[in-house]
Protein backbone atom coordinates (compact mmCIF):
# COMPACT_ATOMS: atom_id res chain seq x y z
CA UNK A 1 -3.50 -30.40 5.93
CA UNK A 2 -0.14 -28.73 6.48
CA UNK A 3 -0.53 -25.09 7.46
CA UNK A 4 2.81 -24.16 5.91
CA UNK A 5 1.87 -25.71 2.58
CA UNK A 6 -1.41 -23.79 2.66
CA UNK A 7 0.46 -20.57 3.46
CA UNK A 8 2.77 -21.13 0.49
CA UNK A 9 -0.31 -21.75 -1.65
CA UNK A 10 -1.84 -18.48 -0.46
CA UNK A 11 1.41 -16.66 -1.23
CA UNK A 12 1.38 -18.09 -4.77
CA UNK A 13 -2.28 -17.09 -5.20
CA UNK A 14 -1.46 -13.56 -4.11
CA UNK A 15 1.50 -13.39 -6.51
CA UNK A 16 -0.79 -14.66 -9.28
CA UNK A 17 -3.51 -12.10 -8.59
CA UNK A 18 -4.15 -9.30 -11.06
CA UNK A 19 -3.79 -6.78 -8.21
CA UNK A 20 -0.26 -7.95 -7.43
CA UNK A 21 0.81 -8.34 -11.05
CA UNK A 22 -0.28 -4.79 -11.92
CA UNK A 23 1.29 -3.34 -8.77
CA UNK A 24 4.55 -5.21 -9.37
CA UNK A 25 4.76 -4.21 -13.05
CA UNK A 26 4.14 -0.55 -12.26
CA UNK A 27 6.62 -0.63 -9.37
CA UNK A 28 9.28 -1.92 -11.75
CA UNK A 29 8.50 0.92 -14.17
CA UNK A 30 8.70 3.47 -11.36
CA UNK A 31 11.98 2.00 -10.12
CA UNK A 32 13.51 2.26 -13.60
CA UNK A 33 13.06 6.04 -13.52
CA UNK A 34 15.41 7.37 -10.82
CA UNK A 35 13.83 10.79 -10.41
CA UNK A 36 10.27 9.46 -10.32
CA UNK A 37 11.29 6.68 -7.94
CA UNK A 38 12.85 9.26 -5.60
CA UNK A 39 9.71 11.41 -5.70
CA UNK A 40 7.46 8.43 -4.98
CA UNK A 41 9.71 7.30 -2.14
CA UNK A 42 9.72 10.82 -0.65
CA UNK A 43 5.92 11.02 -0.84
CA UNK A 44 5.53 7.60 0.75
CA UNK A 45 7.94 8.54 3.55
CA UNK A 46 6.03 11.73 4.33
CA UNK A 47 2.73 9.87 4.20
CA UNK A 48 4.10 7.24 6.59
CA UNK A 49 5.23 9.98 8.99
CA UNK A 50 1.72 11.45 9.00
CA UNK A 51 0.14 8.01 9.53
CA UNK A 52 2.55 7.28 12.39
CA UNK A 53 1.62 10.56 14.06
CA UNK A 54 -2.05 9.66 13.79
CA UNK A 55 -1.48 6.18 15.22
CA UNK A 56 0.32 7.74 18.17
CA UNK A 57 -2.72 9.90 18.85
CA UNK A 58 -1.39 13.13 17.41
CA UNK A 59 -3.86 15.20 15.48
CA UNK A 60 -2.92 16.18 11.96
CA UNK A 61 -2.93 19.92 11.59
CA UNK A 62 -4.66 21.55 8.64
CA UNK A 63 -1.16 22.38 7.38
CA UNK A 64 -0.19 18.69 7.54
CA UNK A 65 -3.32 17.72 5.62
CA UNK A 66 -2.74 20.43 3.02
CA UNK A 67 0.89 19.38 2.59
CA UNK A 68 0.10 15.71 1.99
CA UNK A 69 -2.80 16.56 -0.34
CA UNK A 70 -0.59 18.96 -2.29
CA UNK A 71 2.17 16.36 -2.59
CA UNK A 72 -0.35 13.77 -3.76
CA UNK A 73 -1.77 16.18 -6.34
CA UNK A 74 1.74 16.86 -7.67
CA UNK A 75 2.59 13.16 -7.77
CA UNK A 76 -0.56 12.12 -9.59
CA UNK A 77 0.05 14.61 -12.39
CA UNK A 78 2.49 12.03 -13.67
CA UNK A 79 0.33 9.32 -15.32
CA UNK A 80 2.70 6.52 -14.31
CA UNK A 81 2.74 7.65 -10.68
CA UNK A 82 -1.06 7.95 -10.68
CA UNK A 83 -1.40 4.40 -12.04
CA UNK A 84 1.14 3.14 -9.50
CA UNK A 85 -0.69 4.71 -6.53
CA UNK A 86 -3.99 3.28 -7.74
CA UNK A 87 -2.46 -0.19 -8.15
CA UNK A 88 -0.80 0.09 -4.74
CA UNK A 89 -4.14 0.98 -3.17
CA UNK A 90 -5.94 -1.93 -4.86
CA UNK A 91 -3.23 -4.38 -3.77
CA UNK A 92 -3.30 -3.01 -0.21
CA UNK A 93 -7.09 -3.37 -0.07
CA UNK A 94 -6.83 -6.97 -1.25
CA UNK A 95 -4.23 -7.73 1.43
CA UNK A 96 -6.39 -6.05 4.07
CA UNK A 97 -9.28 -8.28 3.04
CA UNK A 98 -7.05 -11.38 3.27
CA UNK A 99 -5.91 -10.38 6.79
CA UNK A 100 -9.52 -9.84 7.85
CA UNK A 101 -10.55 -13.25 6.48
CA UNK A 102 -7.70 -14.91 8.37
CA UNK A 103 -8.58 -13.03 11.55
CA UNK A 104 -12.25 -13.97 11.32
CA UNK A 105 -11.41 -17.60 10.57
CA UNK A 106 -9.38 -17.97 13.77
CA UNK A 107 -11.55 -15.68 15.85
CA UNK A 108 -8.78 -13.12 16.25
CA UNK A 109 -11.05 -10.13 15.61
CA UNK A 110 -8.70 -7.15 15.62
CA UNK A 111 -5.49 -9.18 15.44
CA UNK A 112 -4.97 -8.56 11.73
CA UNK A 113 -6.94 -5.47 10.97
């Protein structure tokens, strides 16, 4: 059994999954709308900044929480953006599960998740 062949097989299985197909299709729709794509990118950037702060041990202030919740509420008023964020979350959860399975299989515990 060649590990690299198995990895390529896993990559193909992921690309063939409904979670990835839906996420990819919605991402393409988002990207075709410049203004919506810019808004999504801005939201994701701000969300990443907040997550980075948390990972570095900084507490999110109530103002930070309110800002990200307000941005999310604005973004999800657009049906396409709401569908995209849901698909992104489902795909991310699937990938998290895959990382956990790999970690458990090799006894790496917290290595992947």
